[in-house]
Amino acid sequence: MGVFLDVLHLAVGILIVVMGLLAFINPGENGGLFPLIFFLAAILSMVSGVFELKVHTRTNKKKAVGMFHLALGIGLAAVGLLSAVSIWG
């Protein structure tokens, strides 16, 4: 499961960086990428949170980290939803 998480972080991280660069270089044409960036970041954070909760079942500190990742993912998904509504309207 650790290799899956590493590959996911690498692939989604590269996608986020490329889409972020495109969105900031030409925001008029590529402004629609912002919600996708937030949604990808939310997915990445939530997957990390679930991984922390499943792997580290005995330590409360790691459970707190997992819960924080899940909360951050939910927050990013909410920002992505607001961004999608305002941009794609």
PDB file of N, CA and C in Angstrom:
ATOM      1  N   MET A   1       0.824  -1.199   0.000  1.00  0.00           N
ATOM      2  CA  MET A   1       0.000   0.000   0.000  1.00  0.00           C
ATOM      3  C   MET A   1       0.862   1.254   0.000  1.00  0.00           C
ATOM      4  N   GLY A   2       2.068   1.170   0.585  1.00  0.00           N
ATOM      5  CA  GLY A   2       2.949   2.329   0.624  1.00  0.00           C
ATOM      6  C   GLY A   2       3.424   2.745  -0.758  1.00  0.00           C
ATOM      7  N   VAL A   3       3.693   1.770  -1.628  1.00  0.00           N
ATOM      8  CA  VAL A   3       4.136   2.076  -2.988  1.00  0.00           C
ATOM      9  C   VAL A   3       3.004   2.737  -3.764  1.00  0.00           C
ATOM     10  N   PHE A   4       1.778   2.243  -3.568  1.00  0.00           N
ATOM     11  CA  PHE A   4       0.621   2.850  -4.222  1.00  0.00           C
ATOM     12  C   PHE A   4       0.489   4.311  -3.823  1.00  0.00           C
ATOM     13  N   LEU A   5       0.644   4.586  -2.531  1.00  0.00           N
ATOM     14  CA  LEU A   5       0.520   5.961  -2.045  1.00  0.00           C
ATOM     15  C   LEU A   5       1.632   6.847  -2.613  1.00  0.00           C
ATOM     16  N   ASP A   6       2.848   6.314  -2.705  1.00  0.00           N
ATOM     17  CA  ASP A   6       3.955   7.084  -3.273  1.00  0.00           C
ATOM     18  C   ASP A   6       3.719   7.410  -4.747  1.00  0.00           C
ATOM     19  N   VAL A   7       3.278   6.416  -5.511  1.00  0.00           N
ATOM     20  CA  VAL A   7       3.013   6.637  -6.940  1.00  0.00           C
ATOM     21  C   VAL A   7       1.861   7.615  -7.122  1.00  0.00           C
ATOM     22  N   LEU A   8       0.832   7.493  -6.285  1.00  0.00           N
ATOM     23  CA  LEU A   8      -0.296   8.423  -6.360  1.00  0.00           C
ATOM     24  C   LEU A   8       0.150   9.845  -6.062  1.00  0.00           C
ATOM     25  N   HIS A   9       0.965  10.025  -5.015  1.00  0.00           N
ATOM     26  CA  HIS A   9       1.478  11.360  -4.696  1.00  0.00           C
ATOM     27  C   HIS A   9       2.298  11.934  -5.849  1.00  0.00           C
ATOM     28  N   LEU A  10       3.125  11.107  -6.441  1.00  0.00           N
ATOM     29  CA  LEU A  10       3.960  11.566  -7.543  1.00  0.00           C
ATOM     30  C   LEU A  10       3.121  11.969  -8.756  1.00  0.00           C
ATOM     31  N   ALA A  11       2.204  11.107  -9.152  1.00  0.00           N
ATOM     32  CA  ALA A  11       1.397  11.375 -10.350  1.00  0.00           C
ATOM     33  C   ALA A  11       0.481  12.579 -10.151  1.00  0.00           C
ATOM     34  N   VAL A  12      -0.223  12.613  -9.030  1.00  0.00           N
ATOM     35  CA  VAL A  12      -1.153  13.719  -8.793  1.00  0.00           C
ATOM     36  C   VAL A  12      -0.380  15.014  -8.548  1.00  0.00           C
ATOM     37  N   GLY A  13       0.759  14.920  -7.890  1.00  0.00           N
ATOM     38  CA  GLY A  13       1.580  16.117  -7.683  1.00  0.00           C
ATOM     39  C   GLY A  13       2.039  16.729  -8.987  1.00  0.00           C
ATOM     40  N   ILE A  14       2.470  15.894  -9.918  1.00  0.00           N
ATOM     41  CA  ILE A  14       2.888  16.399 -11.228  1.00  0.00           C
ATOM     42  C   ILE A  14       1.703  17.025 -11.953  1.00  0.00           C
ATOM     43  N   LEU A  15       0.545  16.374 -11.910  1.00  0.00           N
ATOM     44  CA  LEU A  15      -0.652  16.936 -12.544  1.00  0.00           C
ATOM     45  C   LEU A  15      -1.022  18.299 -11.954  1.00  0.00           C
ATOM     46  N   ILE A  16      -0.957  18.400 -10.636  1.00  0.00           N
ATOM     47  CA  ILE A  16      -1.310  19.656  -9.976  1.00  0.00           C
ATOM     48  C   ILE A  16      -0.340  20.770 -10.376  1.00  0.00           C
ATOM     49  N   VAL A  17       0.949  20.465 -10.408  1.00  0.00           N
ATOM     50  CA  VAL A  17       1.946  21.479 -10.788  1.00  0.00           C
ATOM     51  C   VAL A  17       1.746  21.920 -12.229  1.00  0.00           C
ATOM     52  N   VAL A  18       1.538  20.987 -13.141  1.00  0.00           N
ATOM     53  CA  VAL A  18       1.353  21.336 -14.558  1.00  0.00           C
ATOM     54  C   VAL A  18       0.080  22.167 -14.739  1.00  0.00           C
ATOM     55  N   MET A  19      -1.021  21.720 -14.118  1.00  0.00           N
ATOM     56  CA  MET A  19      -2.267  22.486 -14.253  1.00  0.00           C
ATOM     57  C   MET A  19      -2.156  23.851 -13.593  1.00  0.00           C
ATOM     58  N   GLY A  20      -1.444  23.935 -12.471  1.00  0.00           N
ATOM     59  CA  GLY A  20      -1.237  25.224 -11.816  1.00  0.00           C
ATOM     60  C   GLY A  20      -0.439  26.183 -12.677  1.00  0.00           C
ATOM     61  N   LEU A  21       0.603  25.677 -13.304  1.00  0.00           N
ATOM     62  CA  LEU A  21       1.383  26.525 -14.208  1.00  0.00           C
ATOM     63  C   LEU A  21       0.543  27.009 -15.386  1.00  0.00           C
ATOM     64  N   LEU A  22      -0.214  26.102 -15.984  1.00  0.00           N
ATOM     65  CA  LEU A  22      -1.068  26.505 -17.104  1.00  0.00           C
ATOM     66  C   LEU A  22      -2.114  27.526 -16.679  1.00  0.00           C
ATOM     67  N   ALA A  23      -2.672  27.340 -15.496  1.00  0.00           N
ATOM     68  CA  ALA A  23      -3.707  28.254 -15.022  1.00  0.00           C
ATOM     69  C   ALA A  23      -3.149  29.635 -14.719  1.00  0.00           C
ATOM     70  N   PHE A  24      -1.926  29.710 -14.214  1.00  0.00           N
ATOM     71  CA  PHE A  24      -1.359  31.016 -13.887  1.00  0.00           C
ATOM     72  C   PHE A  24      -0.708  31.699 -15.080  1.00  0.00           C
ATOM     73  N   ILE A  25      -0.238  30.931 -16.046  1.00  0.00           N
ATOM     74  CA  ILE A  25       0.349  31.537 -17.241  1.00  0.00           C
ATOM     75  C   ILE A  25      -0.725  32.219 -18.084  1.00  0.00           C
ATOM     76  N   ASN A  26      -1.856  31.542 -18.268  1.00  0.00           N
ATOM     77  CA  ASN A  26      -2.926  32.104 -19.074  1.00  0.00           C
ATOM     78  C   ASN A  26      -4.264  31.849 -18.367  1.00  0.00           C
ATOM     79  N   PRO A  27      -4.594  32.679 -17.359  1.00  0.00           N
ATOM     80  CA  PRO A  27      -5.803  32.423 -16.584  1.00  0.00           C
ATOM     81  C   PRO A  27      -7.096  32.616 -17.372  1.00  0.00           C
ATOM     82  N   GLY A  28      -7.065  33.377 -18.430  1.00  0.00           N
ATOM     83  CA  GLY A  28      -8.270  33.579 -19.224  1.00  0.00           C
ATOM     84  C   GLY A  28      -8.754  32.310 -19.890  1.00  0.00           C
ATOM     85  N   GLU A  29      -7.820  31.579 -20.464  1.00  0.00           N
ATOM     86  CA  GLU A  29      -8.179  30.342 -21.155  1.00  0.00           C
ATOM     87  C   GLU A  29      -8.178  29.129 -20.241  1.00  0.00           C
ATOM     88  N   ASN A  30      -7.298  29.124 -19.241  1.00  0.00           N
ATOM     89  CA  ASN A  30      -7.125  27.949 -18.399  1.00  0.00           C
ATOM     90  C   ASN A  30      -7.654  28.143 -16.977  1.00  0.00           C
ATOM     91  N   GLY A  31      -8.503  29.112 -16.779  1.00  0.00           N
ATOM     92  CA  GLY A  31      -9.064  29.347 -15.453  1.00  0.00           C
ATOM     93  C   GLY A  31      -9.938  28.212 -14.967  1.00  0.00           C
ATOM     94  N   GLY A  32     -10.456  27.436 -15.880  1.00  0.00           N
ATOM     95  CA  GLY A  32     -11.292  26.299 -15.513  1.00  0.00           C
ATOM     96  C   GLY A  32     -10.524  25.163 -14.864  1.00  0.00           C
ATOM     97  N   LEU A  33      -9.192  25.278 -14.841  1.00  0.00           N
ATOM     98  CA  LEU A  33      -8.379  24.245 -14.203  1.00  0.00           C
ATOM     99  C   LEU A  33      -8.346  24.374 -12.683  1.00  0.00           C
ATOM    100  N   PHE A  34      -8.681  25.555 -12.157  1.00  0.00           N
ATOM    101  CA  PHE A  34      -8.609  25.759 -10.715  1.00  0.00           C
ATOM    102  C   PHE A  34      -9.472  24.777  -9.918  1.00  0.00           C
ATOM    103  N   PRO A  35     -10.725  24.547 -10.287  1.00  0.00           N
ATOM    104  CA  PRO A  35     -11.497  23.545  -9.525  1.00  0.00           C
ATOM    105  C   PRO A  35     -10.888  22.154  -9.598  1.00  0.00           C
ATOM    106  N   LEU A  36     -10.335  21.797 -10.746  1.00  0.00           N
ATOM    107  CA  LEU A  36      -9.702  20.486 -10.877  1.00  0.00           C
ATOM    108  C   LEU A  36      -8.478  20.367  -9.979  1.00  0.00           C
ATOM    109  N   ILE A  37      -7.730  21.450  -9.850  1.00  0.00           N
ATOM    110  CA  ILE A  37      -6.563  21.457  -8.959  1.00  0.00           C
ATOM    111  C   ILE A  37      -7.009  21.221  -7.517  1.00  0.00           C
ATOM    112  N   PHE A  38      -8.062  21.918  -7.100  1.00  0.00           N
ATOM    113  CA  PHE A  38      -8.564  21.738  -5.736  1.00  0.00           C
ATOM    114  C   PHE A  38      -9.110  20.338  -5.517  1.00  0.00           C
ATOM    115  N   PHE A  39      -9.814  19.793  -6.502  1.00  0.00           N
ATOM    116  CA  PHE A  39     -10.369  18.442  -6.362  1.00  0.00           C
ATOM    117  C   PHE A  39      -9.256  17.391  -6.291  1.00  0.00           C
ATOM    118  N   LEU A  40      -8.215  17.538  -7.104  1.00  0.00           N
ATOM    119  CA  LEU A  40      -7.098  16.594  -7.041  1.00  0.00           C
ATOM    120  C   LEU A  40      -6.378  16.675  -5.699  1.00  0.00           C
ATOM    121  N   ALA A  41      -6.198  17.893  -5.202  1.00  0.00           N
ATOM    122  CA  ALA A  41      -5.562  18.047  -3.892  1.00  0.00           C
ATOM    123  C   ALA A  41      -6.431  17.447  -2.793  1.00  0.00           C
ATOM    124  N   ALA A  42      -7.750  17.579  -2.914  1.00  0.00           N
ATOM    125  CA  ALA A  42      -8.660  16.998  -1.928  1.00  0.00           C
ATOM    126  C   ALA A  42      -8.575  15.475  -1.957  1.00  0.00           C
ATOM    127  N   ILE A  43      -8.555  14.906  -3.140  1.00  0.00           N
ATOM    128  CA  ILE A  43      -8.456  13.445  -3.258  1.00  0.00           C
ATOM    129  C   ILE A  43      -7.141  12.959  -2.654  1.00  0.00           C
ATOM    130  N   LEU A  44      -6.066  13.644  -2.953  1.00  0.00           N
ATOM    131  CA  LEU A  44      -4.761  13.252  -2.437  1.00  0.00           C
ATOM    132  C   LEU A  44      -4.721  13.320  -0.910  1.00  0.00           C
ATOM    133  N   SER A  45      -5.284  14.378  -0.356  1.00  0.00           N
ATOM    134  CA  SER A  45      -5.304  14.531   1.093  1.00  0.00           C
ATOM    135  C   SER A  45      -6.178  13.474   1.759  1.00  0.00           C
ATOM    136  N   MET A  46      -7.330  13.186   1.168  1.00  0.00           N
ATOM    137  CA  MET A  46      -8.216  12.186   1.762  1.00  0.00           C
ATOM    138  C   MET A  46      -7.623  10.781   1.681  1.00  0.00           C
ATOM    139  N   VAL A  47      -6.973  10.455   0.583  1.00  0.00           N
ATOM    140  CA  VAL A  47      -6.335   9.148   0.472  1.00  0.00           C
ATOM    141  C   VAL A  47      -5.223   9.027   1.517  1.00  0.00           C
ATOM    142  N   SER A  48      -4.463  10.086   1.718  1.00  0.00           N
ATOM    143  CA  SER A  48      -3.420  10.071   2.743  1.00  0.00           C
ATOM    144  C   SER A  48      -4.021   9.889   4.137  1.00  0.00           C
ATOM    145  N   GLY A  49      -5.142  10.545   4.386  1.00  0.00           N
ATOM    146  CA  GLY A  49      -5.807  10.412   5.676  1.00  0.00           C
ATOM    147  C   GLY A  49      -6.308   9.011   5.930  1.00  0.00           C
ATOM    148  N   VAL A  50      -6.921   8.405   4.929  1.00  0.00           N
ATOM    149  CA  VAL A  50      -7.406   7.032   5.071  1.00  0.00           C
ATOM    150  C   VAL A  50      -6.234   6.083   5.287  1.00  0.00           C
ATOM    151  N   PHE A  51      -5.135   6.305   4.566  1.00  0.00           N
ATOM    152  CA  PHE A  51      -3.943   5.477   4.735  1.00  0.00           C
ATOM    153  C   PHE A  51      -3.416   5.582   6.170  1.00  0.00           C
ATOM    154  N   GLU A  52      -3.336   6.800   6.700  1.00  0.00           N
ATOM    155  CA  GLU A  52      -2.859   6.985   8.076  1.00  0.00           C
ATOM    156  C   GLU A  52      -3.777   6.281   9.070  1.00  0.00           C
ATOM    157  N   LEU A  53      -5.073   6.377   8.867  1.00  0.00           N
ATOM    158  CA  LEU A  53      -6.014   5.755   9.795  1.00  0.00           C
ATOM    159  C   LEU A  53      -5.969   4.229   9.720  1.00  0.00           C
ATOM    160  N   LYS A  54      -5.748   3.672   8.543  1.00  0.00           N
ATOM    161  CA  LYS A  54      -5.734   2.214   8.405  1.00  0.00           C
ATOM    162  C   LYS A  54      -4.422   1.603   8.884  1.00  0.00           C
ATOM    163  N   VAL A  55      -3.325   2.272   8.608  1.00  0.00           N
ATOM    164  CA  VAL A  55      -2.022   1.695   8.931  1.00  0.00           C
ATOM    165  C   VAL A  55      -1.675   1.879  10.409  1.00  0.00           C
ATOM    166  N   HIS A  56      -1.910   3.051  10.942  1.00  0.00           N
ATOM    167  CA  HIS A  56      -1.517   3.359  12.315  1.00  0.00           C
ATOM    168  C   HIS A  56      -2.745   3.325  13.220  1.00  0.00           C
ATOM    169  N   THR A  57      -3.163   2.138  13.588  1.00  0.00           N
ATOM    170  CA  THR A  57      -4.389   2.006  14.387  1.00  0.00           C
ATOM    171  C   THR A  57      -4.134   2.151  15.877  1.00  0.00           C
ATOM    172  N   ARG A  58      -2.884   2.027  16.311  1.00  0.00           N
ATOM    173  CA  ARG A  58      -2.615   2.023  17.750  1.00  0.00           C
ATOM    174  C   ARG A  58      -2.180   3.360  18.312  1.00  0.00           C
ATOM    175  N   THR A  59      -1.602   4.222  17.509  1.00  0.00           N
ATOM    176  CA  THR A  59      -1.090   5.485  18.045  1.00  0.00           C
ATOM    177  C   THR A  59      -2.082   6.605  17.795  1.00  0.00           C
ATOM    178  N   ASN A  60      -2.382   7.322  18.856  1.00  0.00           N
ATOM    179  CA  ASN A  60      -3.348   8.418  18.754  1.00  0.00           C
ATOM    180  C   ASN A  60      -2.796   9.587  17.951  1.00  0.00           C
ATOM    181  N   LYS A  61      -1.482   9.791  17.988  1.00  0.00           N
ATOM    182  CA  LYS A  61      -0.887  10.898  17.237  1.00  0.00           C
ATOM    183  C   LYS A  61      -1.084  10.692  15.736  1.00  0.00           C
ATOM    184  N   LYS A  62      -0.867   9.472  15.269  1.00  0.00           N
ATOM    185  CA  LYS A  62      -1.043   9.188  13.835  1.00  0.00           C
ATOM    186  C   LYS A  62      -2.526   9.215  13.450  1.00  0.00           C
ATOM    187  N   LYS A  63      -3.403   8.819  14.367  1.00  0.00           N
ATOM    188  CA  LYS A  63      -4.837   8.930  14.094  1.00  0.00           C
ATOM    189  C   LYS A  63      -5.235  10.388  13.939  1.00  0.00           C
ATOM    190  N   ALA A  64      -4.650  11.251  14.775  1.00  0.00           N
ATOM    191  CA  ALA A  64      -4.944  12.684  14.677  1.00  0.00           C
ATOM    192  C   ALA A  64      -4.458  13.246  13.344  1.00  0.00           C
ATOM    193  N   VAL A  65      -3.304  12.783  12.892  1.00  0.00           N
ATOM    194  CA  VAL A  65      -2.780  13.219  11.593  1.00  0.00           C
ATOM    195  C   VAL A  65      -3.714  12.765  10.475  1.00  0.00           C
ATOM    196  N   GLY A  66      -4.196  11.526  10.574  1.00  0.00           N
ATOM    197  CA  GLY A  66      -5.137  11.017   9.579  1.00  0.00           C
ATOM    198  C   GLY A  66      -6.435  11.801   9.558  1.00  0.00           C
ATOM    199  N   MET A  67      -6.950  12.132  10.734  1.00  0.00           N
ATOM    200  CA  MET A  67      -8.178  12.924  10.807  1.00  0.00           C
ATOM    201  C   MET A  67      -7.959  14.332  10.250  1.00  0.00           C
ATOM    202  N   PHE A  68      -6.776  14.891  10.514  1.00  0.00           N
ATOM    203  CA  PHE A  68      -6.455  16.209   9.967  1.00  0.00           C
ATOM    204  C   PHE A  68      -6.425  16.162   8.441  1.00  0.00           C
ATOM    205  N   HIS A  69      -5.823  15.117   7.880  1.00  0.00           N
ATOM    206  CA  HIS A  69      -5.790  14.980   6.421  1.00  0.00           C
ATOM    207  C   HIS A  69      -7.199  14.847   5.839  1.00  0.00           C
ATOM    208  N   LEU A  70      -8.046  14.098   6.514  1.00  0.00           N
ATOM    209  CA  LEU A  70      -9.427  13.963   6.038  1.00  0.00           C
ATOM    210  C   LEU A  70     -10.157  15.308   6.106  1.00  0.00           C
ATOM    211  N   ALA A  71      -9.982  16.035   7.204  1.00  0.00           N
ATOM    212  CA  ALA A  71     -10.624  17.344   7.334  1.00  0.00           C
ATOM    213  C   ALA A  71     -10.096  18.321   6.282  1.00  0.00           C
ATOM    214  N   LEU A  72      -8.794  18.281   6.048  1.00  0.00           N
ATOM    215  CA  LEU A  72      -8.205  19.140   5.022  1.00  0.00           C
ATOM    216  C   LEU A  72      -8.748  18.783   3.638  1.00  0.00           C
ATOM    217  N   GLY A  73      -8.905  17.498   3.380  1.00  0.00           N
ATOM    218  CA  GLY A  73      -9.469  17.059   2.102  1.00  0.00           C
ATOM    219  C   GLY A  73     -10.899  17.526   1.917  1.00  0.00           C
ATOM    220  N   ILE A  74     -11.680  17.470   2.976  1.00  0.00           N
ATOM    221  CA  ILE A  74     -13.062  17.957   2.900  1.00  0.00           C
ATOM    222  C   ILE A  74     -13.085  19.460   2.652  1.00  0.00           C
ATOM    223  N   GLY A  75     -12.191  20.178   3.322  1.00  0.00           N
ATOM    224  CA  GLY A  75     -12.103  21.626   3.094  1.00  0.00           C
ATOM    225  C   GLY A  75     -11.692  21.957   1.671  1.00  0.00           C
ATOM    226  N   LEU A  76     -10.720  21.233   1.147  1.00  0.00           N
ATOM    227  CA  LEU A  76     -10.296  21.461  -0.236  1.00  0.00           C
ATOM    228  C   LEU A  76     -11.392  21.117  -1.233  1.00  0.00           C
ATOM    229  N   ALA A  77     -12.151  20.064  -0.942  1.00  0.00           N
ATOM    230  CA  ALA A  77     -13.270  19.708  -1.821  1.00  0.00           C
ATOM    231  C   ALA A  77     -14.329  20.803  -1.805  1.00  0.00           C
ATOM    232  N   ALA A  78     -14.566  21.398  -0.633  1.00  0.00           N
ATOM    233  CA  ALA A  78     -15.535  22.494  -0.541  1.00  0.00           C
ATOM    234  C   ALA A  78     -15.056  23.711  -1.335  1.00  0.00           C
ATOM    235  N   VAL A  79     -13.768  24.034  -1.220  1.00  0.00           N
ATOM    236  CA  VAL A  79     -13.216  25.151  -2.000  1.00  0.00           C
ATOM    237  C   VAL A  79     -13.288  24.836  -3.487  1.00  0.00           C
ATOM    238  N   GLY A  80     -13.013  23.598  -3.854  1.00  0.00           N
ATOM    239  CA  GLY A  80     -13.120  23.195  -5.260  1.00  0.00           C
ATOM    240  C   GLY A  80     -14.539  23.315  -5.777  1.00  0.00           C
ATOM    241  N   LEU A  81     -15.507  22.944  -4.929  1.00  0.00           N
ATOM    242  CA  LEU A  81     -16.912  23.068  -5.325  1.00  0.00           C
ATOM    243  C   LEU A  81     -17.305  24.530  -5.508  1.00  0.00           C
ATOM    244  N   LEU A  82     -16.897  25.385  -4.574  1.00  0.00           N
ATOM    245  CA  LEU A  82     -17.187  26.821  -4.716  1.00  0.00           C
ATOM    246  C   LEU A  82     -16.509  27.394  -5.950  1.00  0.00           C
ATOM    247  N   SER A  83     -15.286  26.971  -6.188  1.00  0.00           N
ATOM    248  CA  SER A  83     -14.562  27.434  -7.365  1.00  0.00           C
ATOM    249  C   SER A  83     -15.241  26.965  -8.655  1.00  0.00           C
ATOM    250  N   ALA A  84     -15.696  25.722  -8.660  1.00  0.00           N
ATOM    251  CA  ALA A  84     -16.382  25.191  -9.849  1.00  0.00           C
ATOM    252  C   ALA A  84     -17.677  25.936 -10.116  1.00  0.00           C
ATOM    253  N   VAL A  85     -18.426  26.227  -9.064  1.00  0.00           N
ATOM    254  CA  VAL A  85     -19.690  26.953  -9.243  1.00  0.00           C
ATOM    255  C   VAL A  85     -19.431  28.363  -9.756  1.00  0.00           C
ATOM    256  N   SER A  86     -18.400  29.023  -9.221  1.00  0.00           N
ATOM    257  CA  SER A  86     -18.138  30.398  -9.652  1.00  0.00           C
ATOM    258  C   SER A  86     -17.518  30.476 -11.040  1.00  0.00           C
ATOM    259  N   ILE A  87     -16.692  29.510 -11.415  1.00  0.00           N
ATOM    260  CA  ILE A  87     -16.033  29.571 -12.722  1.00  0.00           C
ATOM    261  C   ILE A  87     -16.881  28.953 -13.806  1.00  0.00           C
ATOM    262  N   TRP A  88     -17.411  27.762 -13.543  1.00  0.00           N
ATOM    263  CA  TRP A  88     -18.178  27.052 -14.568  1.00  0.00           C
ATOM    264  C   TRP A  88     -19.623  27.459 -14.564  1.00  0.00           C
ATOM    265  N   GLY A  89     -20.059  28.093 -13.465  1.00  0.00           N
ATOM    266  CA  GLY A  89     -21.378  28.629 -13.230  1.00  0.00           C
ATOM    267  C   GLY A  89     -22.488  28.094 -13.987  1.00  0.00           C
TER     268      GLY A  89
END
